[in-house]
Amino acid sequence: QNGALAALRSHGVAEDDITIIPVPGA
């Protein structure tokens, strides 16, 4: 997740345009 967030931010996706949805399992 940390890697994904870093990628989105580094490619210009605004913080407010990212939604994290936790789920129990795969």
PDB file of all heavy atoms in Angstrom:
ATOM      1  N   GLN A   1       0.842  -1.205   0.000  1.00  0.00           N
ATOM      2  CA  GLN A   1       0.000   0.000   0.000  1.00  0.00           C
ATOM      3  C   GLN A   1       0.872   1.247   0.000  1.00  0.00           C
ATOM      4  O   GLN A   1       0.613   2.190  -0.752  1.00  0.00           O
ATOM      5  CB  GLN A   1      -0.926   0.006   1.207  1.00  0.00           C
ATOM      6  CG  GLN A   1      -1.738   1.292   1.322  1.00  0.00           C
ATOM      7  CD  GLN A   1      -2.618   1.324   2.553  1.00  0.00           C
ATOM      8  OE1 GLN A   1      -3.200   0.324   2.937  1.00  0.00           O
ATOM      9  NE2 GLN A   1      -2.707   2.485   3.177  1.00  0.00           N
ATOM     10  N   ASN A   2       1.892   1.284   0.828  1.00  0.00           N
ATOM     11  CA  ASN A   2       2.792   2.441   0.866  1.00  0.00           C
ATOM     12  C   ASN A   2       3.453   2.669  -0.493  1.00  0.00           C
ATOM     13  O   ASN A   2       3.596   3.804  -0.944  1.00  0.00           O
ATOM     14  CB  ASN A   2       3.843   2.275   1.954  1.00  0.00           C
ATOM     15  CG  ASN A   2       3.246   2.374   3.341  1.00  0.00           C
ATOM     16  OD1 ASN A   2       2.172   2.930   3.533  1.00  0.00           O
ATOM     17  ND2 ASN A   2       3.946   1.819   4.323  1.00  0.00           N
ATOM     18  N   GLY A   3       3.834   1.581  -1.141  1.00  0.00           N
ATOM     19  CA  GLY A   3       4.418   1.693  -2.478  1.00  0.00           C
ATOM     20  C   GLY A   3       3.420   2.238  -3.480  1.00  0.00           C
ATOM     21  O   GLY A   3       3.755   3.096  -4.307  1.00  0.00           O
ATOM     22  N   ALA A   4       2.187   1.754  -3.416  1.00  0.00           N
ATOM     23  CA  ALA A   4       1.146   2.225  -4.341  1.00  0.00           C
ATOM     24  C   ALA A   4       0.876   3.710  -4.141  1.00  0.00           C
ATOM     25  O   ALA A   4       0.774   4.471  -5.110  1.00  0.00           O
ATOM     26  CB  ALA A   4      -0.128   1.406  -4.144  1.00  0.00           C
ATOM     27  N   LEU A   5       0.767   4.135  -2.895  1.00  0.00           N
ATOM     28  CA  LEU A   5       0.520   5.551  -2.613  1.00  0.00           C
ATOM     29  C   LEU A   5       1.675   6.418  -3.103  1.00  0.00           C
ATOM     30  O   LEU A   5       1.456   7.493  -3.671  1.00  0.00           O
ATOM     31  CB  LEU A   5       0.266   5.758  -1.124  1.00  0.00           C
ATOM     32  CG  LEU A   5      -1.011   5.131  -0.585  1.00  0.00           C
ATOM     33  CD1 LEU A   5      -1.096   5.285   0.926  1.00  0.00           C
ATOM     34  CD2 LEU A   5      -2.239   5.701  -1.271  1.00  0.00           C
ATOM     35  N   ALA A   6       2.893   5.953  -2.908  1.00  0.00           N
ATOM     36  CA  ALA A   6       4.061   6.700  -3.381  1.00  0.00           C
ATOM     37  C   ALA A   6       4.028   6.834  -4.902  1.00  0.00           C
ATOM     38  O   ALA A   6       4.335   7.906  -5.446  1.00  0.00           O
ATOM     39  CB  ALA A   6       5.351   6.012  -2.931  1.00  0.00           C
ATOM     40  N   ALA A   7       3.641   5.782  -5.586  1.00  0.00           N
ATOM     41  CA  ALA A   7       3.573   5.824  -7.052  1.00  0.00           C
ATOM     42  C   ALA A   7       2.508   6.802  -7.521  1.00  0.00           C
ATOM     43  O   ALA A   7       2.757   7.622  -8.415  1.00  0.00           O
ATOM     44  CB  ALA A   7       3.286   4.438  -7.604  1.00  0.00           C
ATOM     45  N   LEU A   8       1.325   6.731  -6.928  1.00  0.00           N
ATOM     46  CA  LEU A   8       0.256   7.629  -7.347  1.00  0.00           C
ATOM     47  C   LEU A   8       0.659   9.083  -7.141  1.00  0.00           C
ATOM     48  O   LEU A   8       0.491   9.925  -8.029  1.00  0.00           O
ATOM     49  CB  LEU A   8      -1.037   7.298  -6.602  1.00  0.00           C
ATOM     50  CG  LEU A   8      -1.659   5.936  -6.933  1.00  0.00           C
ATOM     51  CD1 LEU A   8      -2.843   5.654  -6.021  1.00  0.00           C
ATOM     52  CD2 LEU A   8      -2.066   5.856  -8.391  1.00  0.00           C
ATOM     53  N   ARG A   9       1.226   9.365  -5.974  1.00  0.00           N
ATOM     54  CA  ARG A   9       1.661  10.740  -5.685  1.00  0.00           C
ATOM     55  C   ARG A   9       2.757  11.190  -6.656  1.00  0.00           C
ATOM     56  O   ARG A   9       2.738  12.321  -7.153  1.00  0.00           O
ATOM     57  CB  ARG A   9       2.168  10.840  -4.255  1.00  0.00           C
ATOM     58  CG  ARG A   9       1.079  10.695  -3.214  1.00  0.00           C
ATOM     59  CD  ARG A   9       1.668  10.717  -1.804  1.00  0.00           C
ATOM     60  NE  ARG A   9       0.689  10.381  -0.819  1.00  0.00           N
ATOM     61  CZ  ARG A   9       0.811   9.393   0.080  1.00  0.00           C
ATOM     62  NH1 ARG A   9       1.909   8.657   0.120  1.00  0.00           N
ATOM     63  NH2 ARG A   9      -0.150   9.157   0.956  1.00  0.00           N
ATOM     64  N   SER A  10       3.721  10.309  -6.909  1.00  0.00           N
ATOM     65  CA  SER A  10       4.844  10.698  -7.770  1.00  0.00           C
ATOM     66  C   SER A  10       4.420  10.898  -9.218  1.00  0.00           C
ATOM     67  O   SER A  10       5.109  11.578  -9.974  1.00  0.00           O
ATOM     68  CB  SER A  10       5.985   9.680  -7.674  1.00  0.00           C
ATOM     69  OG  SER A  10       5.650   8.496  -8.357  1.00  0.00           O
ATOM     70  N   HIS A  11       3.279  10.355  -9.592  1.00  0.00           N
ATOM     71  CA  HIS A  11       2.764  10.527 -10.955  1.00  0.00           C
ATOM     72  C   HIS A  11       1.671  11.583 -11.025  1.00  0.00           C
ATOM     73  O   HIS A  11       0.951  11.668 -12.015  1.00  0.00           O
ATOM     74  CB  HIS A  11       2.296   9.200 -11.523  1.00  0.00           C
ATOM     75  CG  HIS A  11       3.413   8.217 -11.720  1.00  0.00           C
ATOM     76  ND1 HIS A  11       4.516   8.482 -12.499  1.00  0.00           N
ATOM     77  CD2 HIS A  11       3.614   6.987 -11.213  1.00  0.00           C
ATOM     78  CE1 HIS A  11       5.339   7.447 -12.471  1.00  0.00           C
ATOM     79  NE2 HIS A  11       4.816   6.537 -11.686  1.00  0.00           N
ATOM     80  N   GLY A  12       1.546  12.396  -9.959  1.00  0.00           N
ATOM     81  CA  GLY A  12       0.693  13.569 -10.015  1.00  0.00           C
ATOM     82  C   GLY A  12      -0.743  13.396  -9.564  1.00  0.00           C
ATOM     83  O   GLY A  12      -1.551  14.314  -9.718  1.00  0.00           O
ATOM     84  N   VAL A  13      -1.090  12.240  -9.003  1.00  0.00           N
ATOM     85  CA  VAL A  13      -2.447  12.060  -8.490  1.00  0.00           C
ATOM     86  C   VAL A  13      -2.550  12.805  -7.159  1.00  0.00           C
ATOM     87  O   VAL A  13      -1.725  12.603  -6.264  1.00  0.00           O
ATOM     88  CB  VAL A  13      -2.799  10.565  -8.309  1.00  0.00           C
ATOM     89  CG1 VAL A  13      -4.210  10.412  -7.748  1.00  0.00           C
ATOM     90  CG2 VAL A  13      -2.663   9.810  -9.627  1.00  0.00           C
ATOM     91  N   ALA A  14      -3.533  13.676  -7.051  1.00  0.00           N
ATOM     92  CA  ALA A  14      -3.714  14.472  -5.836  1.00  0.00           C
ATOM     93  C   ALA A  14      -4.157  13.589  -4.669  1.00  0.00           C
ATOM     94  O   ALA A  14      -4.881  12.611  -4.854  1.00  0.00           O
ATOM     95  CB  ALA A  14      -4.754  15.565  -6.077  1.00  0.00           C
ATOM     96  N   GLU A  15      -3.715  13.952  -3.499  1.00  0.00           N
ATOM     97  CA  GLU A  15      -4.055  13.210  -2.274  1.00  0.00           C
ATOM     98  C   GLU A  15      -5.569  13.026  -2.126  1.00  0.00           C
ATOM     99  O   GLU A  15      -6.039  11.951  -1.765  1.00  0.00           O
ATOM    100  CB  GLU A  15      -3.486  13.959  -1.069  1.00  0.00           C
ATOM    101  CG  GLU A  15      -3.391  13.153   0.185  1.00  0.00           C
ATOM    102  CD  GLU A  15      -2.284  12.110   0.137  1.00  0.00           C
ATOM    103  OE1 GLU A  15      -1.242  12.334  -0.487  1.00  0.00           O
ATOM    104  OE2 GLU A  15      -2.495  11.044   0.745  1.00  0.00           O
ATOM    105  N   ASP A  16      -6.326  14.069  -2.414  1.00  0.00           N
ATOM    106  CA  ASP A  16      -7.789  14.010  -2.287  1.00  0.00           C
ATOM    107  C   ASP A  16      -8.439  13.129  -3.344  1.00  0.00           C
ATOM    108  O   ASP A  16      -9.637  12.839  -3.255  1.00  0.00           O
ATOM    109  CB  ASP A  16      -8.398  15.411  -2.363  1.00  0.00           C
ATOM    110  CG  ASP A  16      -8.102  16.245  -1.132  1.00  0.00           C
ATOM    111  OD1 ASP A  16      -7.689  15.667  -0.093  1.00  0.00           O
ATOM    112  OD2 ASP A  16      -8.266  17.476  -1.205  1.00  0.00           O
ATOM    113  N   ASP A  17      -7.675  12.727  -4.355  1.00  0.00           N
ATOM    114  CA  ASP A  17      -8.205  11.882  -5.426  1.00  0.00           C
ATOM    115  C   ASP A  17      -7.835  10.414  -5.251  1.00  0.00           C
ATOM    116  O   ASP A  17      -7.983   9.616  -6.173  1.00  0.00           O
ATOM    117  CB  ASP A  17      -7.711  12.402  -6.783  1.00  0.00           C
ATOM    118  CG  ASP A  17      -8.348  13.727  -7.155  1.00  0.00           C
ATOM    119  OD1 ASP A  17      -9.462  14.008  -6.671  1.00  0.00           O
ATOM    120  OD2 ASP A  17      -7.726  14.481  -7.923  1.00  0.00           O
ATOM    121  N   ILE A  18      -7.348  10.064  -4.065  1.00  0.00           N
ATOM    122  CA  ILE A  18      -6.990   8.677  -3.743  1.00  0.00           C
ATOM    123  C   ILE A  18      -7.887   8.209  -2.608  1.00  0.00           C
ATOM    124  O   ILE A  18      -7.980   8.858  -1.569  1.00  0.00           O
ATOM    125  CB  ILE A  18      -5.511   8.561  -3.309  1.00  0.00           C
ATOM    126  CG1 ILE A  18      -4.571   9.086  -4.401  1.00  0.00           C
ATOM    127  CG2 ILE A  18      -5.180   7.114  -2.950  1.00  0.00           C
ATOM    128  CD1 ILE A  18      -3.127   9.244  -3.951  1.00  0.00           C
ATOM    129  N   THR A  19      -8.536   7.074  -2.826  1.00  0.00           N
ATOM    130  CA  THR A  19      -9.376   6.463  -1.792  1.00  0.00           C
ATOM    131  C   THR A  19      -8.816   5.087  -1.475  1.00  0.00           C
ATOM    132  O   THR A  19      -8.605   4.282  -2.380  1.00  0.00           O
ATOM    133  CB  THR A  19     -10.836   6.317  -2.288  1.00  0.00           C
ATOM    134  OG1 THR A  19     -11.322   7.604  -2.677  1.00  0.00           O
ATOM    135  CG2 THR A  19     -11.726   5.734  -1.209  1.00  0.00           C
ATOM    136  N   ILE A  20      -8.571   4.834  -0.187  1.00  0.00           N
ATOM    137  CA  ILE A  20      -8.088   3.529   0.272  1.00  0.00           C
ATOM    138  C   ILE A  20      -9.279   2.766   0.845  1.00  0.00           C
ATOM    139  O   ILE A  20     -10.011   3.299   1.693  1.00  0.00           O
ATOM    140  CB  ILE A  20      -7.011   3.682   1.371  1.00  0.00           C
ATOM    141  CG1 ILE A  20      -5.851   4.553   0.886  1.00  0.00           C
ATOM    142  CG2 ILE A  20      -6.519   2.319   1.846  1.00  0.00           C
ATOM    143  CD1 ILE A  20      -5.049   3.974  -0.226  1.00  0.00           C
ATOM    144  N   ILE A  21      -9.448   1.514   0.425  1.00  0.00           N
ATOM    145  CA  ILE A  21     -10.541   0.682   0.921  1.00  0.00           C
ATOM    146  C   ILE A  21      -9.939  -0.614   1.468  1.00  0.00           C
ATOM    147  O   ILE A  21      -9.497  -1.470   0.708  1.00  0.00           O
ATOM    148  CB  ILE A  21     -11.566   0.355  -0.185  1.00  0.00           C
ATOM    149  CG1 ILE A  21     -12.176   1.634  -0.759  1.00  0.00           C
ATOM    150  CG2 ILE A  21     -12.667  -0.538   0.359  1.00  0.00           C
ATOM    151  CD1 ILE A  21     -11.484   2.105  -1.989  1.00  0.00           C
ATOM    152  N   PRO A  22      -9.883  -0.760   2.784  1.00  0.00           N
ATOM    153  CA  PRO A  22      -9.396  -2.020   3.355  1.00  0.00           C
ATOM    154  C   PRO A  22     -10.487  -3.085   3.287  1.00  0.00           C
ATOM    155  O   PRO A  22     -11.672  -2.780   3.469  1.00  0.00           O
ATOM    156  CB  PRO A  22      -9.058  -1.673   4.803  1.00  0.00           C
ATOM    157  CG  PRO A  22      -9.589  -0.306   5.058  1.00  0.00           C
ATOM    158  CD  PRO A  22     -10.121   0.263   3.794  1.00  0.00           C
ATOM    159  N   VAL A  23     -10.084  -4.313   3.009  1.00  0.00           N
ATOM    160  CA  VAL A  23     -10.990  -5.464   3.025  1.00  0.00           C
ATOM    161  C   VAL A  23     -10.334  -6.566   3.845  1.00  0.00           C
ATOM    162  O   VAL A  23      -9.115  -6.565   4.033  1.00  0.00           O
ATOM    163  CB  VAL A  23     -11.329  -5.959   1.601  1.00  0.00           C
ATOM    164  CG1 VAL A  23     -12.086  -4.893   0.804  1.00  0.00           C
ATOM    165  CG2 VAL A  23     -10.094  -6.410   0.852  1.00  0.00           C
ATOM    166  N   PRO A  24     -11.131  -7.530   4.335  1.00  0.00           N
ATOM    167  CA  PRO A  24     -10.548  -8.556   5.202  1.00  0.00           C
ATOM    168  C   PRO A  24      -9.441  -9.384   4.548  1.00  0.00           C
ATOM    169  O   PRO A  24      -8.395  -9.599   5.149  1.00  0.00           O
ATOM    170  CB  PRO A  24     -11.747  -9.440   5.560  1.00  0.00           C
ATOM    171  CG  PRO A  24     -12.934  -8.561   5.392  1.00  0.00           C
ATOM    172  CD  PRO A  24     -12.589  -7.630   4.265  1.00  0.00           C
ATOM    173  N   GLY A  25      -9.663  -9.872   3.340  1.00  0.00           N
ATOM    174  CA  GLY A  25      -8.687 -10.738   2.692  1.00  0.00           C
ATOM    175  C   GLY A  25      -8.723 -10.601   1.185  1.00  0.00           C
ATOM    176  O   GLY A  25      -9.534  -9.853   0.629  1.00  0.00           O
ATOM    177  N   ALA A  26      -7.872 -11.354   0.505  1.00  0.00           N
ATOM    178  CA  ALA A  26      -7.781 -11.285  -0.956  1.00  0.00           C
ATOM    179  C   ALA A  26      -9.064 -11.757  -1.629  1.00  0.00           C
ATOM    180  O   ALA A  26      -9.428 -11.258  -2.691  1.00  0.00           O
ATOM    181  CB  ALA A  26      -6.591 -12.105  -1.441  1.00  0.00           C
TER     182      ALA A  26
END
